[in-house]
Amino acid sequence: MNCKNKHFLDYDYFEKKYFKTKKNSKIDPELLFHKKKFKFFLRELTYRFNHLLNKKYSEKFWNIVIGKFIFYHLHQCQEVYDSLKNIGSLEKKKMKIINPKFFKTPSNMIDYQNFIQCSELGRAQIFSILVQENFYNSKILYYKNRFNLPKNNKEITSDNDDRKFDILLKRTRNYIFRKIKEPSLLITGCYWPVKEKIDIQYKSYGKIKADNFFIFNKKKIHFDEKLRNKIFSTSKFSNSFDKFFFKTLKYCCPKSMFENLHFRIKKTETYLNQYKNLKYILNENLSEDNLTLLGVAKNKNIRIIYCEHNTLHHPFKNNWSFFITSLFDYYFTLGWKNKNKYIFAGGSLFPWIKLKDYKQSIGKKILFIPSIPIKRTLYNSSIYGEDSFHNESYFKINKLFFSNINKKIAKEILYKKYPNKVNFSVSNEEKKIDKLIKKKNITFLDTNKRLIGKDFENSKLIVVNYLKTSLIQSLKTNVPTIIFYNNKSYILKKKYKNFFDELIDASIVHKNPLSAAKFVNKIGYDPYKWWNSKKTKKAREKFILKNLKSGNELKKLILRFA
């Protein structure tokens, strides 16, 4: 933007104002709003998409196939809508928006996430649609040039294992696959090592097949403006938000879910037709292709099972378990139990880092595993304790922690930044944290690689500042671990208010970063005595026993369904 245009307001201005005024107390009414609108939009899009394909698919079918997109996009639109709505009178304001001829339509759901969540242009595009619809009298400045759009990152598949090991097992795998002619249970889109997939197929005597379903499309998909104008028409709506939401669908609905939808469903039906005795499909990754598969399977009266991924979502307020349970017939957890008869305590075959020969020795360092303060989330939940409007408070807890670490302990710390391979739009708070850590003479490790076994083997103490995957990983490796978190954002449900109490009592988990820093200063030179104490061992073991089961337990459960 050149100097003469600096007085024009763009979306970044409104977003900053919105996140500054937004509080946790607003999550509950927003969630109620989402649930209400989700039902309405799903019902409306069921009718319209059936008209598009000349079909009579059920609302349940469309909930599985496009529900995830509606769920994500509803949140994006709500935040843009509210950020503008809460500013006040804007008729005389001058705003900078994107010229519609430069709008981008995502090719698929991965492209949608990269563009809408991870780039500034994605949100600016939604903002531009809202401004055009509602503020005709504004003196609007269009962007005049084309932009470098974010790359369409490939989706992570379940077979992302060590290639050498994969080659060694290829003949064995192919032999087993040839024997599996009429499976009753299909596993697809699960983040398991190849050897585990082979093992469960072998133990099932051909009743289970492990695959990684995807839909391959060679042709370039062209944007059909005329058809989109028809299907996403806003003429019947009087509500301004409803109009806005459907206007955005014209450009934001991925081509894979519109122009290429008929092709994708046909390909999926052909794939499923080869399995005549299939009764169950188990999925973990909720990828767009696998959701299409699950929707088509549902039409064939095949039951679908969700296998929980690598985070304990259920204790937190507004987690999206309620949405997942609306899609699936059964829910296999990481190991925790529930009174719901459709939820089973499962286990995990996720490739966690396992240490066989961990030794307590002098010379090891303290490994700090941080989260990443992402600028915006895909949906509203208290499980996102570092994102969107939590960025500032996330910086504050880190500032408080590192400011109270003594100099000698600081020299022992290795800081392993979260690898930003997805190209998330990162908050400015990340830069503030980096500056603070450099002042303390803390060593930065290579940020391009994910955590590996050697990171844990070379550590005498792990410090984690958030409550997702790394919490489980560190506790499972049994390396001395201290966890602190942003207690202003990670809000537990009432029935789980004591979820971390025993870990807190054993000083493993700290609600207060100052408490965590003081404890690291105290035991940082020799954490083993504390970690191996009866009280600490009991708290860790009890937490794991209650919430996390082994891969063998999950296999036993799956074999019961085969």
Protein backbone atom coordinates (compact mmCIF):
# COMPACT_ATOMS: atom_id res chain seq x y z
CA MET A 1 0.00 0.00 0.00
CA ASN A 2 1.48 3.36 -0.97
CA CYS A 3 1.56 6.38 1.33
CA LYS A 4 -1.51 8.10 -0.01
CA ASN A 5 -3.66 5.05 0.78
CA LYS A 6 -2.61 4.60 4.42
CA HIS A 7 -5.84 6.13 5.69
CA PHE A 8 -7.89 3.32 4.13
CA LEU A 9 -8.97 0.63 6.62
CA ASP A 10 -8.44 -3.04 5.73
CA TYR A 11 -9.47 -6.27 7.42
CA ASP A 12 -6.39 -6.42 9.63
CA TYR A 13 -7.56 -3.24 11.38
CA PHE A 14 -11.01 -4.66 12.16
CA GLU A 15 -9.64 -8.08 13.19
CA LYS A 16 -7.27 -6.53 15.75
CA LYS A 17 -10.16 -4.56 17.26
CA TYR A 18 -12.32 -7.69 17.34
CA PHE A 19 -9.73 -9.92 19.06
CA LYS A 20 -8.93 -7.18 21.56
CA THR A 21 -12.52 -6.88 22.74
CA LYS A 22 -13.42 -10.56 22.52
CA LYS A 23 -13.43 -12.47 25.81
CA ASN A 24 -13.83 -16.09 26.81
CA SER A 25 -17.32 -15.33 28.08
CA LYS A 26 -18.38 -14.81 24.48
CA ILE A 27 -17.55 -18.39 23.45
CA ASP A 28 -20.78 -19.87 24.87
CA PRO A 29 -23.25 -17.62 22.98
CA GLU A 30 -21.14 -17.99 19.84
CA LEU A 31 -21.30 -21.77 20.11
CA LEU A 32 -25.09 -21.63 20.48
CA PHE A 33 -25.18 -19.36 17.43
CA HIS A 34 -23.02 -21.86 15.49
CA LYS A 35 -25.20 -24.83 16.42
CA LYS A 36 -28.37 -23.01 15.41
CA LYS A 37 -26.94 -21.75 12.11
CA PHE A 38 -25.23 -25.06 11.34
CA LYS A 39 -28.56 -26.91 11.47
CA PHE A 40 -30.22 -24.29 9.29
CA PHE A 41 -27.41 -24.16 6.71
CA LEU A 42 -27.11 -27.97 6.57
CA ARG A 43 -30.84 -28.30 5.93
CA GLU A 44 -30.74 -25.60 3.26
CA LEU A 45 -27.62 -26.99 1.56
CA THR A 46 -29.05 -30.53 1.63
CA TYR A 47 -31.88 -29.31 -0.59
CA ARG A 48 -29.59 -27.30 -2.85
CA PHE A 49 -26.89 -29.95 -3.27
CA ASN A 50 -29.51 -32.61 -4.02
CA HIS A 51 -30.83 -30.26 -6.69
CA LEU A 52 -27.27 -29.82 -8.00
CA LEU A 53 -26.81 -33.59 -8.41
CA ASN A 54 -30.46 -34.46 -9.08
CA LYS A 55 -30.42 -36.82 -6.08
CA LYS A 56 -32.32 -37.37 -2.84
CA TYR A 57 -29.48 -37.90 -0.41
CA SER A 58 -30.36 -37.60 3.26
CA GLU A 59 -29.35 -34.75 5.55
CA LYS A 60 -27.18 -37.31 7.37
CA PHE A 61 -25.28 -37.97 4.11
CA TRP A 62 -24.58 -34.28 3.55
CA ASN A 63 -23.65 -33.76 7.19
CA ILE A 64 -20.84 -36.30 6.70
CA VAL A 65 -19.73 -35.12 3.24
CA ILE A 66 -19.85 -31.31 3.62
CA GLY A 67 -20.56 -30.80 7.35
CA LYS A 68 -16.91 -30.24 8.23
CA PHE A 69 -16.68 -27.46 5.64
CA ILE A 70 -19.89 -25.82 6.93
CA PHE A 71 -18.57 -26.10 10.50
CA TYR A 72 -15.26 -24.41 9.59
CA HIS A 73 -16.67 -21.80 7.23
CA LEU A 74 -19.43 -20.75 9.62
CA HIS A 75 -16.77 -19.83 12.18
CA GLN A 76 -14.73 -17.86 9.64
CA CYS A 77 -17.78 -15.90 8.49
CA GLN A 78 -18.98 -15.25 12.03
CA GLU A 79 -15.63 -13.73 13.05
CA VAL A 80 -15.47 -11.49 9.98
CA TYR A 81 -19.11 -10.47 10.40
CA ASP A 82 -18.71 -9.64 14.11
CA SER A 83 -15.42 -7.81 13.63
CA LEU A 84 -17.15 -5.36 11.32
CA LYS A 85 -20.46 -5.26 13.20
CA ASN A 86 -18.91 -4.22 16.52
CA ILE A 87 -16.95 -1.23 15.21
CA GLY A 88 -19.87 1.15 14.91
CA SER A 89 -20.95 3.40 12.03
CA LEU A 90 -18.89 2.70 8.91
CA GLU A 91 -20.80 4.41 6.12
CA LYS A 92 -18.28 7.26 5.92
CA LYS A 93 -15.20 5.11 6.42
CA LYS A 94 -12.80 4.41 3.58
CA MET A 95 -11.98 0.72 3.23
CA LYS A 96 -9.54 -1.29 1.20
CA ILE A 97 -10.89 -4.52 -0.29
CA ILE A 98 -9.95 -7.05 -2.98
CA ASN A 99 -11.32 -6.64 -6.48
CA PRO A 100 -13.68 -9.63 -7.10
CA LYS A 101 -11.91 -10.49 -10.36
CA PHE A 102 -8.93 -11.55 -8.22
CA PHE A 103 -10.95 -13.72 -5.82
CA LYS A 104 -9.59 -17.23 -5.32
CA THR A 105 -11.75 -20.35 -5.07
CA PRO A 106 -10.05 -23.22 -3.17
CA SER A 107 -9.60 -26.45 -5.11
CA ASN A 108 -10.25 -28.68 -2.07
CA MET A 109 -10.48 -28.62 1.74
CA ILE A 110 -6.73 -28.56 2.29
CA ASP A 111 -6.50 -25.60 -0.08
CA TYR A 112 -9.40 -23.99 1.81
CA GLN A 113 -7.59 -24.29 5.15
CA ASN A 114 -4.33 -22.97 3.70
CA PHE A 115 -6.08 -20.03 2.10
CA ILE A 116 -8.77 -19.05 4.61
CA GLN A 117 -7.06 -19.89 7.90
CA CYS A 118 -3.38 -19.56 7.04
CA SER A 119 -3.25 -16.53 4.75
CA GLU A 120 -4.18 -12.90 5.16
CA LEU A 121 -5.79 -12.84 1.71
CA GLY A 122 -8.32 -15.54 2.61
CA ARG A 123 -9.84 -13.48 5.40
CA ALA A 124 -9.51 -10.30 3.33
CA GLN A 125 -11.57 -11.99 0.61
CA ILE A 126 -14.43 -12.83 3.00
CA PHE A 127 -14.19 -9.30 4.41
CA SER A 128 -14.38 -7.84 0.89
CA ILE A 129 -17.60 -9.75 0.17
CA LEU A 130 -19.15 -8.43 3.39
CA VAL A 131 -18.15 -4.82 2.67
CA GLN A 132 -19.50 -4.96 -0.88
CA GLU A 133 -22.82 -6.32 0.36
CA ASN A 134 -23.39 -3.89 3.22
CA PHE A 135 -21.57 -0.63 2.70
CA TYR A 136 -22.44 0.77 -0.68
CA ASN A 137 -21.71 4.37 0.36
CA SER A 138 -18.17 3.70 1.54
CA LYS A 139 -15.33 5.04 -0.55
CA ILE A 140 -13.75 1.68 -1.27
CA LEU A 141 -10.25 1.24 -2.60
CA TYR A 142 -9.75 -1.96 -4.57
CA TYR A 143 -6.49 -3.84 -4.56
CA LYS A 144 -5.25 -3.44 -8.12
CA ASN A 145 -2.62 -6.15 -8.43
CA ARG A 146 -2.50 -9.93 -8.37
CA PHE A 147 -1.10 -11.66 -5.30
CA ASN A 148 1.15 -14.56 -4.46
CA LEU A 149 -1.26 -17.06 -2.98
CA PRO A 150 -0.18 -19.66 -0.39
CA LYS A 151 0.90 -23.02 -1.73
CA ASN A 152 -1.55 -25.88 -1.57
CA ASN A 153 0.20 -28.12 0.96
CA LYS A 154 -0.32 -31.82 0.49
CA GLU A 155 -2.44 -33.59 3.04
CA ILE A 156 -0.52 -35.76 5.49
CA THR A 157 -1.40 -39.39 4.87
CA SER A 158 -1.38 -42.32 7.21
CA ASP A 159 1.53 -44.00 5.42
CA ASN A 160 4.08 -41.33 6.24
CA ASP A 161 6.41 -43.87 7.87
CA ASP A 162 10.05 -44.64 7.44
CA ARG A 163 10.46 -45.47 3.73
CA LYS A 164 13.15 -48.10 4.24
CA PHE A 165 10.94 -50.01 6.63
CA ASP A 166 8.03 -49.69 4.22
CA ILE A 167 10.06 -51.26 1.39
CA LEU A 168 11.16 -54.19 3.57
CA LEU A 169 7.56 -54.97 4.46
CA LYS A 170 6.08 -54.40 1.02
CA ARG A 171 6.13 -58.05 -0.07
CA THR A 172 4.57 -59.17 3.20
CA ARG A 173 1.88 -56.48 2.93
CA ASN A 174 1.04 -57.38 -0.67
CA TYR A 175 0.80 -61.06 0.23
CA ILE A 176 -1.64 -60.29 3.04
CA PHE A 177 -3.70 -57.94 0.86
CA ARG A 178 -4.12 -60.70 -1.74
CA LYS A 179 -5.55 -62.94 0.97
CA ILE A 180 -8.08 -60.32 2.07
CA LYS A 181 -10.90 -60.83 -0.41
CA GLU A 182 -14.07 -60.15 1.55
CA PRO A 183 -13.28 -57.90 4.55
CA SER A 184 -16.05 -56.91 6.95
CA LEU A 185 -14.12 -53.92 8.34
CA LEU A 186 -12.14 -51.33 6.40
CA ILE A 187 -9.51 -49.12 8.08
CA THR A 188 -8.69 -45.95 6.16
CA GLY A 189 -7.04 -42.62 6.91
CA CYS A 190 -5.43 -43.73 10.18
CA TYR A 191 -2.03 -42.43 11.27
CA TRP A 192 -0.56 -45.84 12.08
CA PRO A 193 2.82 -47.38 11.23
CA VAL A 194 2.71 -49.84 8.32
CA LYS A 195 3.70 -52.74 10.57
CA GLU A 196 0.64 -52.13 12.78
CA LYS A 197 -1.68 -52.21 9.77
CA ILE A 198 -0.14 -55.48 8.64
CA ASP A 199 -0.44 -56.94 12.12
CA ILE A 200 -4.14 -56.21 12.57
CA GLN A 201 -4.93 -57.58 9.10
CA TYR A 202 -3.02 -60.74 9.92
CA LYS A 203 -4.76 -61.20 13.28
CA SER A 204 -8.20 -60.74 11.70
CA TYR A 205 -7.68 -63.67 9.26
CA GLY A 206 -8.78 -61.54 6.35
CA LYS A 207 -11.77 -59.84 8.00
CA ILE A 208 -9.98 -56.46 8.17
CA LYS A 209 -8.35 -54.49 5.38
CA ALA A 210 -6.19 -51.43 6.06
CA ASP A 211 -6.13 -48.95 3.19
CA ASN A 212 -5.65 -45.23 2.62
CA PHE A 213 -8.59 -44.19 0.45
CA PHE A 214 -8.13 -41.18 -1.82
CA ILE A 215 -9.76 -39.87 -4.98
CA PHE A 216 -7.36 -39.17 -7.81
CA ASN A 217 -8.38 -36.57 -10.37
CA LYS A 218 -6.20 -35.70 -13.36
CA LYS A 219 -8.38 -33.00 -14.86
CA LYS A 220 -8.23 -29.35 -13.89
CA ILE A 221 -11.51 -28.26 -12.31
CA HIS A 222 -13.02 -25.10 -13.77
CA PHE A 223 -15.01 -22.56 -11.80
CA ASP A 224 -18.69 -22.60 -12.92
CA GLU A 225 -19.92 -19.10 -12.07
CA LYS A 226 -23.37 -19.51 -13.58
CA LEU A 227 -24.12 -22.69 -11.64
CA ARG A 228 -22.71 -21.25 -8.41
CA ASN A 229 -24.91 -18.16 -8.74
CA LYS A 230 -27.91 -20.46 -9.03
CA ILE A 231 -27.13 -22.89 -6.20
CA PHE A 232 -25.85 -20.25 -3.77
CA SER A 233 -28.55 -17.68 -4.50
CA THR A 234 -29.38 -15.37 -1.56
CA SER A 235 -32.75 -14.13 -2.86
CA LYS A 236 -34.82 -16.07 -0.29
CA PHE A 237 -32.97 -14.72 2.77
CA SER A 238 -33.91 -11.67 4.80
CA ASN A 239 -31.32 -12.20 7.54
CA SER A 240 -28.11 -10.28 6.76
CA PHE A 241 -25.77 -12.98 8.10
CA ASP A 242 -27.49 -15.71 6.08
CA LYS A 243 -27.14 -13.60 2.94
CA PHE A 244 -23.49 -12.95 3.69
CA PHE A 245 -22.74 -16.64 4.35
CA PHE A 246 -24.25 -17.78 1.05
CA LYS A 247 -22.54 -14.96 -0.84
CA THR A 248 -19.19 -16.21 0.41
CA LEU A 249 -20.02 -19.77 -0.71
CA LYS A 250 -19.93 -18.63 -4.32
CA TYR A 251 -16.18 -18.10 -4.02
CA CYS A 252 -15.16 -20.05 -0.91
CA CYS A 253 -16.84 -23.42 -1.40
CA PRO A 254 -14.04 -25.71 -2.70
CA LYS A 255 -14.37 -26.92 -6.29
CA SER A 256 -14.02 -30.50 -5.06
CA MET A 257 -17.33 -30.02 -3.21
CA PHE A 258 -19.12 -28.40 -6.10
CA GLU A 259 -17.90 -28.74 -9.69
CA ASN A 260 -16.18 -32.07 -8.97
CA LEU A 261 -18.72 -33.49 -6.53
CA HIS A 262 -20.53 -35.84 -8.91
CA PHE A 263 -17.21 -37.32 -10.10
CA ARG A 264 -16.01 -37.84 -6.52
CA ILE A 265 -19.18 -39.62 -5.40
CA LYS A 266 -19.10 -41.90 -8.46
CA LYS A 267 -15.46 -42.81 -7.83
CA THR A 268 -16.29 -43.57 -4.19
CA GLU A 269 -19.25 -45.77 -5.11
CA THR A 270 -17.05 -47.74 -7.53
CA TYR A 271 -14.45 -48.23 -4.78
CA LEU A 272 -17.02 -49.47 -2.26
CA ASN A 273 -18.71 -51.82 -4.73
CA GLN A 274 -15.69 -54.12 -4.59
CA TYR A 275 -16.45 -54.87 -0.92
CA LYS A 276 -19.66 -56.91 -0.83
CA ASN A 277 -19.52 -57.92 2.86
CA LEU A 278 -18.34 -54.65 4.37
CA LYS A 279 -20.09 -53.79 7.65
CA TYR A 280 -17.79 -51.16 9.22
CA ILE A 281 -15.37 -48.42 8.17
CA LEU A 282 -12.93 -46.96 10.73
CA ASN A 283 -11.39 -43.54 10.15
CA GLU A 284 -9.15 -41.14 12.05
CA ASN A 285 -8.11 -38.25 9.83
CA LEU A 286 -11.51 -36.87 8.70
CA SER A 287 -9.98 -35.97 5.33
CA GLU A 288 -12.28 -34.72 2.60
CA ASP A 289 -11.88 -37.92 0.57
CA ASN A 290 -12.54 -40.16 3.56
CA LEU A 291 -15.60 -38.15 4.58
CA THR A 292 -16.99 -38.67 1.07
CA LEU A 293 -16.31 -42.38 1.50
CA LEU A 294 -18.08 -42.42 4.87
CA GLY A 295 -21.10 -40.57 3.47
CA VAL A 296 -21.49 -43.03 0.58
CA ALA A 297 -20.94 -45.93 2.99
CA LYS A 298 -23.73 -44.62 5.21
CA ASN A 299 -26.10 -44.78 2.22
CA LYS A 300 -25.17 -48.46 1.91
CA ASN A 301 -25.99 -49.06 5.60
CA ILE A 302 -22.32 -49.54 6.46
CA ARG A 303 -21.59 -48.36 10.01
CA ILE A 304 -18.82 -45.85 10.53
CA ILE A 305 -16.37 -45.60 13.43
CA TYR A 306 -14.22 -42.67 14.52
CA CYS A 307 -10.80 -43.47 15.99
CA GLU A 308 -9.69 -40.57 18.21
CA HIS A 309 -6.50 -38.82 17.11
CA ASN A 310 -3.65 -37.68 19.39
CA THR A 311 -5.27 -35.07 21.68
CA LEU A 312 -7.59 -35.39 24.68
CA HIS A 313 -10.36 -33.00 23.59
CA HIS A 314 -13.21 -34.26 25.74
CA PRO A 315 -12.46 -32.41 29.06
CA PHE A 316 -12.45 -28.98 27.42
CA LYS A 317 -15.35 -26.64 26.89
CA ASN A 318 -16.71 -26.37 23.35
CA ASN A 319 -14.54 -29.12 21.89
CA TRP A 320 -15.81 -30.52 18.63
CA SER A 321 -16.55 -34.03 19.93
CA PHE A 322 -20.26 -33.11 19.69
CA PHE A 323 -19.81 -32.59 15.94
CA ILE A 324 -17.84 -35.82 15.41
CA THR A 325 -20.41 -37.88 17.32
CA SER A 326 -23.10 -36.48 15.00
CA LEU A 327 -21.24 -38.02 12.04
CA PHE A 328 -20.23 -41.44 13.37
CA ASP A 329 -22.04 -44.49 14.72
CA TYR A 330 -19.24 -45.33 17.15
CA TYR A 331 -16.40 -43.41 18.80
CA PHE A 332 -13.17 -45.18 19.86
CA THR A 333 -11.33 -43.01 22.39
CA LEU A 334 -7.62 -42.88 23.24
CA GLY A 335 -8.53 -44.86 26.34
CA TRP A 336 -10.93 -42.80 28.46
CA LYS A 337 -14.36 -44.17 29.31
CA ASN A 338 -17.81 -42.70 28.81
CA LYS A 339 -21.33 -43.80 29.81
CA ASN A 340 -22.52 -43.37 26.23
CA LYS A 341 -22.91 -46.90 24.84
CA TYR A 342 -21.62 -45.78 21.43
CA ILE A 343 -18.33 -44.49 22.89
CA PHE A 344 -15.70 -47.18 23.58
CA ALA A 345 -12.44 -46.91 25.51
CA GLY A 346 -9.98 -47.75 22.76
CA GLY A 347 -6.30 -46.94 22.70
CA SER A 348 -3.76 -45.49 20.31
CA LEU A 349 -1.64 -46.77 17.44
CA PHE A 350 -0.32 -43.28 16.77
CA PRO A 351 3.48 -43.48 16.30
CA TRP A 352 4.41 -42.00 19.66
CA ILE A 353 8.11 -41.64 20.46
CA LYS A 354 9.14 -44.63 22.58
CA LEU A 355 12.36 -44.71 24.59
CA LYS A 356 13.74 -48.17 25.33
CA ASP A 357 17.09 -47.24 26.87
CA TYR A 358 16.52 -43.86 28.49
CA LYS A 359 19.24 -43.25 31.08
CA GLN A 360 19.43 -40.68 33.83
CA SER A 361 22.80 -39.03 33.39
CA ILE A 362 24.76 -35.82 33.87
CA GLY A 363 25.10 -33.50 30.89
CA LYS A 364 21.56 -33.74 29.59
CA LYS A 365 19.59 -30.56 28.91
CA ILE A 366 16.13 -29.15 29.59
CA LEU A 367 13.94 -29.34 26.47
CA PHE A 368 11.24 -26.66 26.13
CA ILE A 369 8.39 -27.64 23.77
CA PRO A 370 6.17 -24.62 22.93
CA SER A 371 2.98 -24.32 20.97
CA ILE A 372 2.56 -21.85 18.10
CA PRO A 373 0.39 -18.72 18.51
CA ILE A 374 -1.67 -19.06 15.34
CA LYS A 375 -3.44 -15.90 14.28
CA ARG A 376 -6.84 -17.55 13.78
CA THR A 377 -8.55 -20.87 14.42
CA LEU A 378 -10.77 -23.11 12.30
CA TYR A 379 -13.47 -23.18 14.98
CA ASN A 380 -14.16 -21.84 18.47
CA SER A 381 -13.02 -24.03 21.34
CA SER A 382 -11.16 -23.69 24.62
CA ILE A 383 -8.74 -26.38 23.36
CA TYR A 384 -7.15 -23.60 21.29
CA GLY A 385 -5.30 -21.93 24.13
CA GLU A 386 -2.75 -20.06 22.03
CA ASP A 387 -4.75 -18.95 18.98
CA SER A 388 -6.78 -15.96 17.83
CA PHE A 389 -7.79 -13.79 20.78
CA HIS A 390 -5.63 -15.87 23.19
CA ASN A 391 -2.35 -14.77 21.56
CA GLU A 392 -1.71 -11.91 23.95
CA SER A 393 -2.38 -13.95 27.10
CA TYR A 394 -0.20 -16.78 25.70
CA PHE A 395 2.65 -14.29 25.36
CA LYS A 396 2.08 -13.12 28.93
CA ILE A 397 2.39 -16.61 30.46
CA ASN A 398 5.61 -17.20 28.51
CA LYS A 399 6.98 -13.82 29.54
CA LEU A 400 6.20 -14.58 33.17
CA PHE A 401 7.80 -18.03 32.95
CA PHE A 402 11.06 -17.01 31.23
CA SER A 403 11.42 -13.79 33.25
CA ASN A 404 11.52 -15.89 36.40
CA ILE A 405 13.94 -18.58 35.21
CA ASN A 406 17.37 -18.01 36.77
CA LYS A 407 20.39 -17.47 34.52
CA LYS A 408 22.11 -20.79 35.22
CA ILE A 409 18.96 -22.80 34.44
CA ALA A 410 18.35 -20.69 31.30
CA LYS A 411 21.70 -21.87 29.91
CA GLU A 412 20.46 -25.46 30.31
CA ILE A 413 17.33 -24.89 28.19
CA LEU A 414 16.97 -25.91 24.53
CA TYR A 415 13.97 -24.26 22.85
CA LYS A 416 12.42 -26.37 20.07
CA LYS A 417 10.01 -24.12 18.18
CA TYR A 418 6.87 -25.67 16.73
CA PRO A 419 7.53 -26.47 13.03
CA ASN A 420 5.26 -24.25 10.93
CA LYS A 421 5.11 -26.55 7.90
CA VAL A 422 1.45 -25.78 7.28
CA ASN A 423 2.29 -22.06 6.79
CA PHE A 424 -0.10 -20.87 9.49
CA SER A 425 -0.68 -17.15 9.74
CA VAL A 426 1.30 -16.60 12.93
CA SER A 427 0.56 -13.91 15.50
CA ASN A 428 3.04 -11.10 16.20
CA GLU A 429 3.21 -12.50 19.74
CA GLU A 430 5.54 -15.19 18.36
CA LYS A 431 8.20 -12.58 17.59
CA LYS A 432 7.88 -11.11 21.08
CA ILE A 433 8.45 -14.54 22.63
CA ASP A 434 11.53 -15.12 20.45
CA LYS A 435 13.09 -11.80 21.53
CA LEU A 436 12.47 -12.57 25.19
CA ILE A 437 14.09 -16.02 24.93
CA LYS A 438 17.16 -14.70 23.11
CA LYS A 439 17.72 -12.21 25.92
CA LYS A 440 17.89 -15.11 28.37
CA ASN A 441 20.63 -16.81 26.28
CA ILE A 442 18.43 -19.87 25.71
CA THR A 443 19.50 -22.07 22.78
CA PHE A 444 17.16 -22.43 19.78
CA LEU A 445 17.02 -25.86 18.10
CA ASP A 446 16.28 -26.61 14.44
CA THR A 447 12.64 -25.67 13.89
CA ASN A 448 12.19 -27.43 10.56
CA LYS A 449 12.02 -30.90 12.10
CA ARG A 450 9.40 -32.45 14.33
CA LEU A 451 10.29 -33.94 17.69
CA ILE A 452 12.27 -37.18 17.45
CA GLY A 453 13.49 -39.79 19.90
CA LYS A 454 16.89 -38.17 20.34
CA ASP A 455 15.26 -34.94 21.53
CA PHE A 456 13.79 -36.87 24.46
CA GLU A 457 16.80 -39.17 25.00
CA ASN A 458 19.08 -36.14 25.45
CA SER A 459 16.74 -34.39 27.90
CA LYS A 460 16.74 -34.59 31.67
CA LEU A 461 13.56 -32.49 31.84
CA ILE A 462 10.77 -31.62 29.40
CA VAL A 463 8.82 -28.37 29.79
CA VAL A 464 5.57 -27.99 27.79
CA ASN A 465 3.43 -24.83 27.69
CA TYR A 466 0.16 -26.14 26.22
CA LEU A 467 -2.30 -29.04 26.63
CA LYS A 468 -2.42 -30.92 23.36
CA THR A 469 -0.27 -33.64 21.72
CA SER A 470 3.00 -32.84 23.51
CA LEU A 471 1.33 -33.33 26.89
CA ILE A 472 0.53 -36.95 26.01
CA GLN A 473 3.83 -37.55 24.22
CA SER A 474 5.97 -36.36 27.10
CA LEU A 475 4.04 -38.24 29.79
CA LYS A 476 4.17 -41.45 27.74
CA THR A 477 7.96 -41.29 27.25
CA ASN A 478 8.41 -41.09 31.04
CA VAL A 479 11.03 -38.35 30.85
CA PRO A 480 10.65 -35.90 33.79
CA THR A 481 7.97 -33.44 32.64
CA ILE A 482 6.58 -30.09 33.75
CA ILE A 483 3.53 -28.63 32.03
CA PHE A 484 2.09 -25.15 32.40
CA TYR A 485 -0.69 -23.59 30.37
CA ASN A 486 -2.83 -20.55 29.76
CA ASN A 487 -5.60 -21.00 32.34
CA LYS A 488 -7.52 -18.07 30.86
CA SER A 489 -8.16 -20.02 27.68
CA TYR A 490 -8.08 -23.75 28.47
CA ILE A 491 -11.47 -23.97 30.19
CA LEU A 492 -12.54 -27.38 31.50
CA LYS A 493 -16.14 -28.60 31.53
CA LYS A 494 -17.78 -28.74 34.96
CA LYS A 495 -17.71 -32.52 35.15
CA TYR A 496 -13.98 -32.51 34.29
CA LYS A 497 -12.97 -29.65 36.60
CA ASN A 498 -10.70 -32.06 38.53
CA PHE A 499 -9.18 -33.59 35.39
CA PHE A 500 -5.59 -32.45 36.14
CA ASP A 501 -5.82 -32.24 39.95
CA GLU A 502 -3.53 -35.18 40.75
CA LEU A 503 -0.95 -34.01 38.20
CA ILE A 504 -1.15 -30.51 39.72
CA ASP A 505 -0.75 -31.90 43.22
CA ALA A 506 2.40 -33.76 42.08
CA SER A 507 3.79 -30.54 40.49
CA ILE A 508 3.69 -32.07 36.99
CA VAL A 509 1.02 -29.63 35.79
CA HIS A 510 1.03 -25.95 36.82
CA LYS A 511 -1.84 -23.53 36.20
CA ASN A 512 0.47 -20.63 37.00
CA PRO A 513 3.63 -20.02 34.88
CA LEU A 514 5.32 -18.39 37.87
CA SER A 515 4.79 -21.59 39.87
CA ALA A 516 6.23 -23.62 36.98
CA ALA A 517 9.31 -21.37 36.69
CA LYS A 518 10.04 -21.57 40.42
CA PHE A 519 9.72 -25.34 40.33
CA VAL A 520 12.06 -25.65 37.31
CA ASN A 521 14.59 -23.49 39.18
CA LYS A 522 14.26 -25.81 42.16
CA ILE A 523 14.58 -29.23 40.49
CA GLY A 524 16.12 -28.31 37.13
CA TYR A 525 19.65 -29.47 37.97
CA ASP A 526 18.48 -32.90 39.10
CA PRO A 527 14.79 -33.64 38.31
CA TYR A 528 15.07 -37.42 38.73
CA LYS A 529 14.59 -37.51 42.49
CA TRP A 530 11.27 -35.67 42.16
CA TRP A 531 10.17 -37.65 39.07
CA ASN A 532 10.92 -41.02 40.67
CA SER A 533 9.22 -40.18 43.96
CA LYS A 534 6.24 -42.33 44.90
CA LYS A 535 3.79 -39.42 44.69
CA THR A 536 4.90 -38.27 41.21
CA LYS A 537 5.02 -41.79 39.77
CA LYS A 538 1.56 -42.58 41.10
CA ALA A 539 0.03 -39.37 39.65
CA ARG A 540 1.54 -39.98 36.20
CA GLU A 541 0.60 -43.67 36.08
CA LYS A 542 -2.95 -43.01 37.28
CA PHE A 543 -3.51 -40.29 34.65
CA ILE A 544 -2.25 -42.55 31.87
CA LEU A 545 -4.27 -45.54 33.11
CA LYS A 546 -7.44 -43.45 33.21
CA ASN A 547 -7.07 -41.69 29.84
CA LEU A 548 -4.66 -43.57 27.56
CA LYS A 549 -4.56 -47.19 26.54
CA SER A 550 -2.08 -49.05 24.38
CA GLY A 551 -2.24 -49.91 20.70
CA ASN A 552 -2.85 -53.54 21.61
CA GLU A 553 -6.00 -52.52 23.49
CA LEU A 554 -7.23 -50.66 20.41
CA LYS A 555 -6.52 -53.69 18.21
CA LYS A 556 -8.51 -55.95 20.54
CA LEU A 557 -11.46 -53.55 20.35
CA ILE A 558 -11.32 -53.33 16.54
CA LEU A 559 -11.08 -57.13 16.21
CA ARG A 560 -14.30 -57.43 18.23
CA PHE A 561 -16.12 -55.51 15.46
CA ALA A 562 -14.56 -57.42 12.55
